[in-house]
C-alpha atoms as a PDB file:
ATOM      1  CA  UNK A   1     -26.186  11.139  -0.611  1.00  0.00           C
ATOM      2  CA  UNK A   2     -25.263  12.926  -3.870  1.00  0.00           C
ATOM      3  CA  UNK A   3     -22.521  10.590  -4.950  1.00  0.00           C
ATOM      4  CA  UNK A   4     -21.468  10.204  -8.555  1.00  0.00           C
ATOM      5  CA  UNK A   5     -21.456   6.846 -10.123  1.00  0.00           C
ATOM      6  CA  UNK A   6     -17.648   6.680  -9.948  1.00  0.00           C
ATOM      7  CA  UNK A   7     -17.840   7.445  -6.159  1.00  0.00           C
ATOM      8  CA  UNK A   8     -20.546   4.774  -5.642  1.00  0.00           C
ATOM      9  CA  UNK A   9     -18.468   2.164  -7.278  1.00  0.00           C
ATOM     10  CA  UNK A  10     -15.040   3.326  -5.715  1.00  0.00           C
ATOM     11  CA  UNK A  11     -16.446   3.342  -2.093  1.00  0.00           C
ATOM     12  CA  UNK A  12     -18.985   0.412  -2.440  1.00  0.00           C
ATOM     13  CA  UNK A  13     -17.385  -1.781   0.055  1.00  0.00           C
ATOM     14  CA  UNK A  14     -17.361   1.042   2.581  1.00  0.00           C
ATOM     15  CA  UNK A  15     -21.078   1.892   1.851  1.00  0.00           C
ATOM     16  CA  UNK A  16     -22.094  -1.905   2.167  1.00  0.00           C
ATOM     17  CA  UNK A  17     -21.074  -1.722   5.843  1.00  0.00           C
ATOM     18  CA  UNK A  18     -24.050  -1.264   8.231  1.00  0.00           C
ATOM     19  CA  UNK A  19     -21.815   1.060  10.428  1.00  0.00           C
ATOM     20  CA  UNK A  20     -20.703   3.207   7.494  1.00  0.00           C
ATOM     21  CA  UNK A  21     -23.275   3.297   4.708  1.00  0.00           C
ATOM     22  CA  UNK A  22     -23.748   6.418   2.617  1.00  0.00           C
ATOM     23  CA  UNK A  23     -23.961   8.680   5.537  1.00  0.00           C
ATOM     24  CA  UNK A  24     -20.664   7.512   6.807  1.00  0.00           C
ATOM     25  CA  UNK A  25     -19.007   7.815   3.368  1.00  0.00           C
ATOM     26  CA  UNK A  26     -20.280  11.452   3.156  1.00  0.00           C
ATOM     27  CA  UNK A  27     -18.555  12.037   6.521  1.00  0.00           C
ATOM     28  CA  UNK A  28     -15.293  10.730   5.220  1.00  0.00           C
ATOM     29  CA  UNK A  29     -15.508  12.833   2.104  1.00  0.00           C
ATOM     30  CA  UNK A  30     -16.220  15.940   4.145  1.00  0.00           C
ATOM     31  CA  UNK A  31     -13.453  15.360   6.730  1.00  0.00           C
ATOM     32  CA  UNK A  32      -9.843  16.209   6.820  1.00  0.00           C
ATOM     33  CA  UNK A  33      -6.743  14.421   8.373  1.00  0.00           C
ATOM     34  CA  UNK A  34      -3.208  15.773   8.639  1.00  0.00           C
ATOM     35  CA  UNK A  35      -0.333  13.182   8.530  1.00  0.00           C
ATOM     36  CA  UNK A  36       2.763  14.436  10.253  1.00  0.00           C
ATOM     37  CA  UNK A  37       5.639  12.442   8.634  1.00  0.00           C
ATOM     38  CA  UNK A  38       5.748  10.654   5.354  1.00  0.00           C
ATOM     39  CA  UNK A  39       7.775   7.844   6.623  1.00  0.00           C
ATOM     40  CA  UNK A  40       7.181   4.382   7.972  1.00  0.00           C
ATOM     41  CA  UNK A  41       4.044   5.175   9.827  1.00  0.00           C
ATOM     42  CA  UNK A  42       2.743   7.922   7.538  1.00  0.00           C
ATOM     43  CA  UNK A  43       3.079   5.824   4.337  1.00  0.00           C
ATOM     44  CA  UNK A  44       0.498   3.144   5.074  1.00  0.00           C
ATOM     45  CA  UNK A  45      -1.657   5.668   6.922  1.00  0.00           C
ATOM     46  CA  UNK A  46      -1.633   8.011   3.782  1.00  0.00           C
ATOM     47  CA  UNK A  47      -2.523   5.308   1.298  1.00  0.00           C
ATOM     48  CA  UNK A  48      -5.451   3.728   3.299  1.00  0.00           C
ATOM     49  CA  UNK A  49      -6.847   7.247   4.186  1.00  0.00           C
ATOM     50  CA  UNK A  50      -6.855   8.193   0.630  1.00  0.00           C
ATOM     51  CA  UNK A  51      -8.230   4.988  -0.500  1.00  0.00           C
ATOM     52  CA  UNK A  52     -11.049   5.213   1.995  1.00  0.00           C
ATOM     53  CA  UNK A  53     -12.051   8.664   0.568  1.00  0.00           C
ATOM     54  CA  UNK A  54     -11.117  11.091   3.351  1.00  0.00           C
ATOM     55  CA  UNK A  55     -11.767  14.341   1.331  1.00  0.00           C
ATOM     56  CA  UNK A  56      -8.605  16.338   2.523  1.00  0.00           C
ATOM     57  CA  UNK A  57      -5.310  14.879   3.592  1.00  0.00           C
ATOM     58  CA  UNK A  58      -2.333  16.925   4.544  1.00  0.00           C
ATOM     59  CA  UNK A  59       0.985  15.461   4.468  1.00  0.00           C
ATOM     60  CA  UNK A  60       3.947  17.082   6.250  1.00  0.00           C
ATOM     61  CA  UNK A  61       7.578  16.236   5.876  1.00  0.00           C
ATOM     62  CA  UNK A  62      10.642  18.295   5.145  1.00  0.00           C
ATOM     63  CA  UNK A  63      12.897  15.522   4.401  1.00  0.00           C
ATOM     64  CA  UNK A  64      13.897  13.791   1.255  1.00  0.00           C
ATOM     65  CA  UNK A  65      13.658  10.140   0.075  1.00  0.00           C
ATOM     66  CA  UNK A  66      16.797   8.164   0.710  1.00  0.00           C
ATOM     67  CA  UNK A  67      17.539   4.489  -0.391  1.00  0.00           C
ATOM     68  CA  UNK A  68      17.552   3.265   3.119  1.00  0.00           C
ATOM     69  CA  UNK A  69      13.784   4.628   3.629  1.00  0.00           C
ATOM     70  CA  UNK A  70      12.529   2.068   1.000  1.00  0.00           C
ATOM     71  CA  UNK A  71      12.510  -0.896   3.282  1.00  0.00           C
ATOM     72  CA  UNK A  72       9.616   0.393   5.236  1.00  0.00           C
ATOM     73  CA  UNK A  73       8.355   3.805   3.639  1.00  0.00           C
ATOM     74  CA  UNK A  74       6.295   1.966   0.943  1.00  0.00           C
ATOM     75  CA  UNK A  75       4.732   4.999  -0.414  1.00  0.00           C
ATOM     76  CA  UNK A  76       7.949   5.870  -2.083  1.00  0.00           C
ATOM     77  CA  UNK A  77       9.675   4.097  -4.930  1.00  0.00           C
ATOM     78  CA  UNK A  78      13.278   3.787  -5.991  1.00  0.00           C
ATOM     79  CA  UNK A  79      12.645   6.341  -8.669  1.00  0.00           C
ATOM     80  CA  UNK A  80      11.651   8.929  -5.841  1.00  0.00           C
ATOM     81  CA  UNK A  81      15.184   8.955  -4.297  1.00  0.00           C
ATOM     82  CA  UNK A  82      16.221  12.545  -3.663  1.00  0.00           C
ATOM     83  CA  UNK A  83      12.592  13.878  -4.013  1.00  0.00           C
ATOM     84  CA  UNK A  84      10.888  15.643  -1.105  1.00  0.00           C
ATOM     85  CA  UNK A  85       8.985  12.985   0.870  1.00  0.00           C
ATOM     86  CA  UNK A  86       5.867  15.106   0.979  1.00  0.00           C
ATOM     87  CA  UNK A  87       5.705  15.600  -2.807  1.00  0.00           C
ATOM     88  CA  UNK A  88       6.462  11.822  -3.511  1.00  0.00           C
ATOM     89  CA  UNK A  89       3.727  10.782  -1.044  1.00  0.00           C
ATOM     90  CA  UNK A  90       1.128  13.332  -2.378  1.00  0.00           C
ATOM     91  CA  UNK A  91       1.785  12.028  -5.917  1.00  0.00           C
ATOM     92  CA  UNK A  92       1.028   8.428  -5.012  1.00  0.00           C
ATOM     93  CA  UNK A  93      -2.144   9.355  -3.047  1.00  0.00           C
ATOM     94  CA  UNK A  94      -3.610  11.291  -6.016  1.00  0.00           C
ATOM     95  CA  UNK A  95      -2.626   8.381  -8.367  1.00  0.00           C
ATOM     96  CA  UNK A  96      -4.573   6.114  -5.849  1.00  0.00           C
ATOM     97  CA  UNK A  97      -7.689   8.378  -5.692  1.00  0.00           C
ATOM     98  CA  UNK A  98      -7.910  11.449  -7.747  1.00  0.00           C
ATOM     99  CA  UNK A  99     -11.118  12.380  -5.881  1.00  0.00           C
ATOM    100  CA  UNK A 100      -9.377  13.481  -2.624  1.00  0.00           C
ATOM    101  CA  UNK A 101      -7.470  16.695  -2.071  1.00  0.00           C
ATOM    102  CA  UNK A 102      -3.861  16.214  -0.962  1.00  0.00           C
ATOM    103  CA  UNK A 103      -1.861  19.066   0.509  1.00  0.00           C
ATOM    104  CA  UNK A 104       1.871  18.481   0.794  1.00  0.00           C
ATOM    105  CA  UNK A 105       3.516  20.607   3.436  1.00  0.00           C
ATOM    106  CA  UNK A 106       7.296  20.540   2.800  1.00  0.00           C
ATOM    107  CA  UNK A 107       8.392  22.166   6.016  1.00  0.00           C
ATOM    108  CA  UNK A 108       9.616  21.370   9.483  1.00  0.00           C
ATOM    109  CA  UNK A 109       6.776  21.672  12.201  1.00  0.00           C
ATOM    110  CA  UNK A 110       8.116  23.952  14.989  1.00  0.00           C
ATOM    111  CA  UNK A 111       6.494  25.834  17.847  1.00  0.00           C
ATOM    112  CA  UNK A 112       6.203  28.893  15.611  1.00  0.00           C
ATOM    113  CA  UNK A 113       4.069  27.202  12.808  1.00  0.00           C
ATOM    114  CA  UNK A 114       2.473  24.017  14.243  1.00  0.00           C
ATOM    115  CA  UNK A 115      -0.605  25.706  15.410  1.00  0.00           C
ATOM    116  CA  UNK A 116      -1.388  27.372  12.018  1.00  0.00           C
ATOM    117  CA  UNK A 117      -0.727  24.048  10.141  1.00  0.00           C
ATOM    118  CA  UNK A 118      -2.982  21.738  12.207  1.00  0.00           C
ATOM    119  CA  UNK A 119      -5.847  24.140  12.865  1.00  0.00           C
ATOM    120  CA  UNK A 120      -8.023  23.281  10.040  1.00  0.00           C
ATOM    121  CA  UNK A 121      -7.808  19.611  10.320  1.00  0.00           C
ATOM    122  CA  UNK A 122     -10.349  17.248  12.046  1.00  0.00           C
ATOM    123  CA  UNK A 123      -7.722  14.629  13.089  1.00  0.00           C
ATOM    124  CA  UNK A 124      -3.972  14.471  13.328  1.00  0.00           C
ATOM    125  CA  UNK A 125      -1.682  11.484  12.988  1.00  0.00           C
ATOM    126  CA  UNK A 126       1.707  11.639  14.480  1.00  0.00           C
ATOM    127  CA  UNK A 127       3.982   9.519  12.275  1.00  0.00           C
ATOM    128  CA  UNK A 128       7.230  11.348  13.200  1.00  0.00           C
ATOM    129  CA  UNK A 129      10.380   9.596  14.460  1.00  0.00           C
ATOM    130  CA  UNK A 130      11.845  11.697  17.232  1.00  0.00           C
ATOM    131  CA  UNK A 131      10.801  12.727  20.696  1.00  0.00           C
ATOM    132  CA  UNK A 132      10.899  16.564  20.258  1.00  0.00           C
ATOM    133  CA  UNK A 133       8.190  16.420  17.382  1.00  0.00           C
ATOM    134  CA  UNK A 134       6.195  13.949  19.399  1.00  0.00           C
ATOM    135  CA  UNK A 135       6.086  16.266  22.515  1.00  0.00           C
ATOM    136  CA  UNK A 136       5.495  19.329  20.223  1.00  0.00           C
ATOM    137  CA  UNK A 137       2.606  17.510  18.498  1.00  0.00           C
ATOM    138  CA  UNK A 138       1.096  16.323  21.836  1.00  0.00           C
ATOM    139  CA  UNK A 139       1.338  19.804  23.372  1.00  0.00           C
ATOM    140  CA  UNK A 140      -0.142  21.605  20.118  1.00  0.00           C
ATOM    141  CA  UNK A 141      -2.992  19.157  19.832  1.00  0.00           C
ATOM    142  CA  UNK A 142      -4.025  19.109  23.542  1.00  0.00           C
ATOM    143  CA  UNK A 143      -3.854  22.958  23.799  1.00  0.00           C
ATOM    144  CA  UNK A 144      -5.769  23.351  20.537  1.00  0.00           C
ATOM    145  CA  UNK A 145      -8.230  20.680  21.372  1.00  0.00           C
ATOM    146  CA  UNK A 146      -7.341  18.634  18.370  1.00  0.00           C
ATOM    147  CA  UNK A 147      -7.776  14.705  18.439  1.00  0.00           C
ATOM    148  CA  UNK A 148      -4.632  12.797  17.417  1.00  0.00           C
ATOM    149  CA  UNK A 149      -2.994   9.437  17.066  1.00  0.00           C
ATOM    150  CA  UNK A 150       0.420   8.811  18.518  1.00  0.00           C
ATOM    151  CA  UNK A 151       2.485   6.334  17.107  1.00  0.00           C
ATOM    152  CA  UNK A 152       6.107   4.971  17.969  1.00  0.00           C
ATOM    153  CA  UNK A 153       8.168   2.114  16.445  1.00  0.00           C
ATOM    154  CA  UNK A 154      11.619   0.628  16.844  1.00  0.00           C
ATOM    155  CA  UNK A 155      13.241  -2.761  16.366  1.00  0.00           C
ATOM    156  CA  UNK A 156      10.273  -5.295  16.387  1.00  0.00           C
ATOM    157  CA  UNK A 157       8.078  -3.112  18.820  1.00  0.00           C
ATOM    158  CA  UNK A 158       5.499  -0.353  18.478  1.00  0.00           C
ATOM    159  CA  UNK A 159       2.912   1.486  20.446  1.00  0.00           C
ATOM    160  CA  UNK A 160       0.097   3.742  19.846  1.00  0.00           C
ATOM    161  CA  UNK A 161      -2.582   5.684  21.681  1.00  0.00           C
ATOM    162  CA  UNK A 162      -5.263   8.207  20.699  1.00  0.00           C
ATOM    163  CA  UNK A 163      -5.972  11.423  22.367  1.00  0.00           C
ATOM    164  CA  UNK A 164      -9.399  13.271  22.411  1.00  0.00           C
ATOM    165  CA  UNK A 165     -10.039  16.196  24.651  1.00  0.00           C
ATOM    166  CA  UNK A 166     -10.514  14.909  28.254  1.00  0.00           C
ATOM    167  CA  UNK A 167      -8.486  11.663  27.705  1.00  0.00           C
ATOM    168  CA  UNK A 168      -4.997  10.899  28.785  1.00  0.00           C
ATOM    169  CA  UNK A 169      -2.396  12.615  26.509  1.00  0.00           C
ATOM    170  CA  UNK A 170       1.049  11.412  25.676  1.00  0.00           C
ATOM    171  CA  UNK A 171       2.537  13.602  28.418  1.00  0.00           C
ATOM    172  CA  UNK A 172       0.129  11.907  31.022  1.00  0.00           C
ATOM    173  CA  UNK A 173       2.346   8.856  30.490  1.00  0.00           C
ATOM    174  CA  UNK A 174       5.725  10.486  29.665  1.00  0.00           C
ATOM    175  CA  UNK A 175       5.967  13.868  31.100  1.00  0.00           C
ATOM    176  CA  UNK A 176       9.364  14.740  29.706  1.00  0.00           C
ATOM    177  CA  UNK A 177      11.910  13.806  27.047  1.00  0.00           C
ATOM    178  CA  UNK A 178      14.401  11.261  28.094  1.00  0.00           C
ATOM    179  CA  UNK A 179      17.884  12.554  29.025  1.00  0.00           C
ATOM    180  CA  UNK A 180      20.399  13.128  26.055  1.00  0.00           C
ATOM    181  CA  UNK A 181      22.628  10.230  25.499  1.00  0.00           C
ATOM    182  CA  UNK A 182      20.594   7.756  27.328  1.00  0.00           C
ATOM    183  CA  UNK A 183      18.964   6.145  24.127  1.00  0.00           C
ATOM    184  CA  UNK A 184      20.422   4.730  20.877  1.00  0.00           C
ATOM    185  CA  UNK A 185      19.420   6.316  17.598  1.00  0.00           C
ATOM    186  CA  UNK A 186      17.109   4.719  15.088  1.00  0.00           C
ATOM    187  CA  UNK A 187      19.786   4.092  12.573  1.00  0.00           C
ATOM    188  CA  UNK A 188      21.771   2.215  15.401  1.00  0.00           C
ATOM    189  CA  UNK A 189      18.797   0.101  16.736  1.00  0.00           C
ATOM    190  CA  UNK A 190      17.112  -0.690  13.401  1.00  0.00           C
ATOM    191  CA  UNK A 191      13.332  -1.515  12.653  1.00  0.00           C
ATOM    192  CA  UNK A 192      11.717  -4.350  10.912  1.00  0.00           C
ATOM    193  CA  UNK A 193       9.794  -2.744   8.156  1.00  0.00           C
ATOM    194  CA  UNK A 194       6.423  -4.392   8.529  1.00  0.00           C
ATOM    195  CA  UNK A 195       6.293  -3.220  12.314  1.00  0.00           C
ATOM    196  CA  UNK A 196       5.809   0.306  10.678  1.00  0.00           C
ATOM    197  CA  UNK A 197       3.074  -0.933   8.246  1.00  0.00           C
ATOM    198  CA  UNK A 198       1.106  -2.661  10.931  1.00  0.00           C
ATOM    199  CA  UNK A 199       1.150   0.292  13.339  1.00  0.00           C
ATOM    200  CA  UNK A 200       0.558   2.839  10.605  1.00  0.00           C
ATOM    201  CA  UNK A 201      -2.490   1.019   9.460  1.00  0.00           C
ATOM    202  CA  UNK A 202      -3.837   1.040  13.162  1.00  0.00           C
ATOM    203  CA  UNK A 203      -3.384   4.772  13.281  1.00  0.00           C
ATOM    204  CA  UNK A 204      -5.383   5.199   9.920  1.00  0.00           C
ATOM    205  CA  UNK A 205      -8.054   2.925  11.514  1.00  0.00           C
ATOM    206  CA  UNK A 206      -8.187   5.225  14.568  1.00  0.00           C
ATOM    207  CA  UNK A 207      -8.766   8.263  12.225  1.00  0.00           C
ATOM    208  CA  UNK A 208     -11.478   6.654  10.221  1.00  0.00           C
ATOM    209  CA  UNK A 209     -13.275   5.402  13.343  1.00  0.00           C
ATOM    210  CA  UNK A 210     -12.951   8.801  14.907  1.00  0.00           C
ATOM    211  CA  UNK A 211     -14.499  10.505  11.707  1.00  0.00           C
ATOM    212  CA  UNK A 212     -17.401   7.770  11.480  1.00  0.00           C
ATOM    213  CA  UNK A 213     -18.077   7.898  15.130  1.00  0.00           C
ATOM    214  CA  UNK A 214     -17.930   3.989  15.495  1.00  0.00           C
ATOM    215  CA  UNK A 215     -16.250   1.454  17.573  1.00  0.00           C
ATOM    216  CA  UNK A 216     -13.915   2.123  20.450  1.00  0.00           C
ATOM    217  CA  UNK A 217     -10.988   4.276  20.095  1.00  0.00           C
ATOM    218  CA  UNK A 218      -7.528   3.811  21.811  1.00  0.00           C
ATOM    219  CA  UNK A 219      -8.260   6.414  24.314  1.00  0.00           C
ATOM    220  CA  UNK A 220      -7.036   6.043  27.840  1.00  0.00           C
ATOM    221  CA  UNK A 221      -5.397   2.862  26.448  1.00  0.00           C
ATOM    222  CA  UNK A 222      -1.905   2.469  25.236  1.00  0.00           C
ATOM    223  CA  UNK A 223      -1.581  -0.356  22.610  1.00  0.00           C
ATOM    224  CA  UNK A 224       1.747  -2.241  22.766  1.00  0.00           C
ATOM    225  CA  UNK A 225       2.798  -4.440  19.896  1.00  0.00           C
ATOM    226  CA  UNK A 226       5.673  -7.141  19.852  1.00  0.00           C
ATOM    227  CA  UNK A 227       6.038  -8.545  16.347  1.00  0.00           C
ATOM    228  CA  UNK A 228       8.635 -11.122  17.623  1.00  0.00           C
ATOM    229  CA  UNK A 229       5.956 -12.892  19.538  1.00  0.00           C
ATOM    230  CA  UNK A 230       2.984 -11.426  17.540  1.00  0.00           C
ATOM    231  CA  UNK A 231       1.651 -10.132  20.913  1.00  0.00           C
ATOM    232  CA  UNK A 232      -0.599  -7.114  21.402  1.00  0.00           C
ATOM    233  CA  UNK A 233      -1.353  -5.710  24.897  1.00  0.00           C
ATOM    234  CA  UNK A 234      -3.381  -2.707  26.097  1.00  0.00           C
ATOM    235  CA  UNK A 235      -2.289  -0.868  29.072  1.00  0.00           C
ATOM    236  CA  UNK A 236      -4.985   1.197  30.725  1.00  0.00           C
ATOM    237  CA  UNK A 237      -4.178   4.720  31.268  1.00  0.00           C
ATOM    238  CA  UNK A 238      -5.885   7.766  32.763  1.00  0.00           C
ATOM    239  CA  UNK A 239      -5.516  11.503  32.703  1.00  0.00           C
ATOM    240  CA  UNK A 240      -2.673  12.594  35.027  1.00  0.00           C
ATOM    241  CA  UNK A 241      -3.706  15.474  37.165  1.00  0.00           C
ATOM    242  CA  UNK A 242      -0.003  16.454  37.403  1.00  0.00           C
ATOM    243  CA  UNK A 243       0.426  16.381  33.624  1.00  0.00           C
ATOM    244  CA  UNK A 244       2.131  19.808  32.602  1.00  0.00           C
ATOM    245  CA  UNK A 245      -0.039  20.359  29.534  1.00  0.00           C
ATOM    246  CA  UNK A 246      -3.573  18.975  30.439  1.00  0.00           C
ATOM    247  CA  UNK A 247      -3.308  18.767  34.270  1.00  0.00           C
ATOM    248  CA  UNK A 248      -4.861  20.741  37.089  1.00  0.00           C
ATOM    249  CA  UNK A 249      -1.949  23.169  37.265  1.00  0.00           C
ATOM    250  CA  UNK A 250      -0.670  23.408  33.753  1.00  0.00           C
ATOM    251  CA  UNK A 251       2.859  24.823  33.169  1.00  0.00           C
ATOM    252  CA  UNK A 252       3.009  24.356  29.430  1.00  0.00           C
ATOM    253  CA  UNK A 253       0.739  27.116  27.971  1.00  0.00           C
ATOM    254  CA  UNK A 254       2.061  27.088  24.420  1.00  0.00           C
ATOM    255  CA  UNK A 255       3.940  24.706  22.192  1.00  0.00           C
ATOM    256  CA  UNK A 256       7.772  24.607  22.779  1.00  0.00           C
ATOM    257  CA  UNK A 257      10.662  23.396  20.642  1.00  0.00           C
ATOM    258  CA  UNK A 258      13.053  20.824  22.155  1.00  0.00           C
ATOM    259  CA  UNK A 259      16.311  19.179  21.216  1.00  0.00           C
ATOM    260  CA  UNK A 260      16.865  15.587  21.414  1.00  0.00           C
ATOM    261  CA  UNK A 261      18.393  12.780  19.424  1.00  0.00           C
ATOM    262  CA  UNK A 262      16.028  11.259  16.861  1.00  0.00           C
ATOM    263  CA  UNK A 263      13.862   8.119  17.127  1.00  0.00           C
ATOM    264  CA  UNK A 264      15.090   6.398  20.307  1.00  0.00           C
ATOM    265  CA  UNK A 265      14.428   3.902  22.755  1.00  0.00           C
ATOM    266  CA  UNK A 266      15.815   3.041  26.219  1.00  0.00           C
ATOM    267  CA  UNK A 267      17.383  -0.445  26.526  1.00  0.00           C
ATOM    268  CA  UNK A 268      15.477  -2.936  28.603  1.00  0.00           C
ATOM    269  CA  UNK A 269      11.909  -4.262  28.407  1.00  0.00           C
ATOM    270  CA  UNK A 270      10.580  -1.607  30.868  1.00  0.00           C
ATOM    271  CA  UNK A 271      11.328   1.097  28.419  1.00  0.00           C
ATOM    272  CA  UNK A 272       9.936  -0.469  25.183  1.00  0.00           C
ATOM    273  CA  UNK A 273       6.870   1.547  25.382  1.00  0.00           C
ATOM    274  CA  UNK A 274       8.504   4.886  25.498  1.00  0.00           C
ATOM    275  CA  UNK A 275       8.827   5.591  21.977  1.00  0.00           C
END
């Protein structure tokens, strides 16, 4: 497969797998993944994708590292406080694997730029912490035919689903943003750091399996995780014919910016999945 000796040694545990082998490793090296958010979800996803040898990885974040981030955003160190998160994350990824190309994007994704940012990537990971970004990413990926992994976390809970063209998207389950003022903020509700690590690694696994074409993706299934009870549940879903972005009579024809408080979750067990 035209690998260097260093690549053969570095990726030997991947290549030994019957479902990966040299052909699969070449697929990874020739692939590209965009991670939106260099925070709790994006940190583990970025490290594992770089380690696996995904050839090109974009990391998008317009924020700076704060002390309170370090409890869960493990790609950043104490010495990185006040640095741009995308820059800090890219540095660690390159140190872990100099053989991959890392592209930091230190800007906020909006309706006006998201299409141009995502267009050259094979798979998108949503590691954001707010509803406006999640709906924006969903809409841009659905309209652009881009597969992506949605992830959401809060307190001790997490959820994830994967979209590929033809499967249920995030809006098929949650058509609109929750009303302003009905949810607590992330800072008010808190998050156990390892919850972010577990879910971010699941999102990285979805990206790798999509690229390799192996296993079963979390399409038409919402994986719900409760780390108080170490319980995982899969909720079967299906495309919603009334979905405003992928349904039979679409009303959303281009990405739209929204306003909403960040990283929130309604009180009560029935709302735990709407992250």
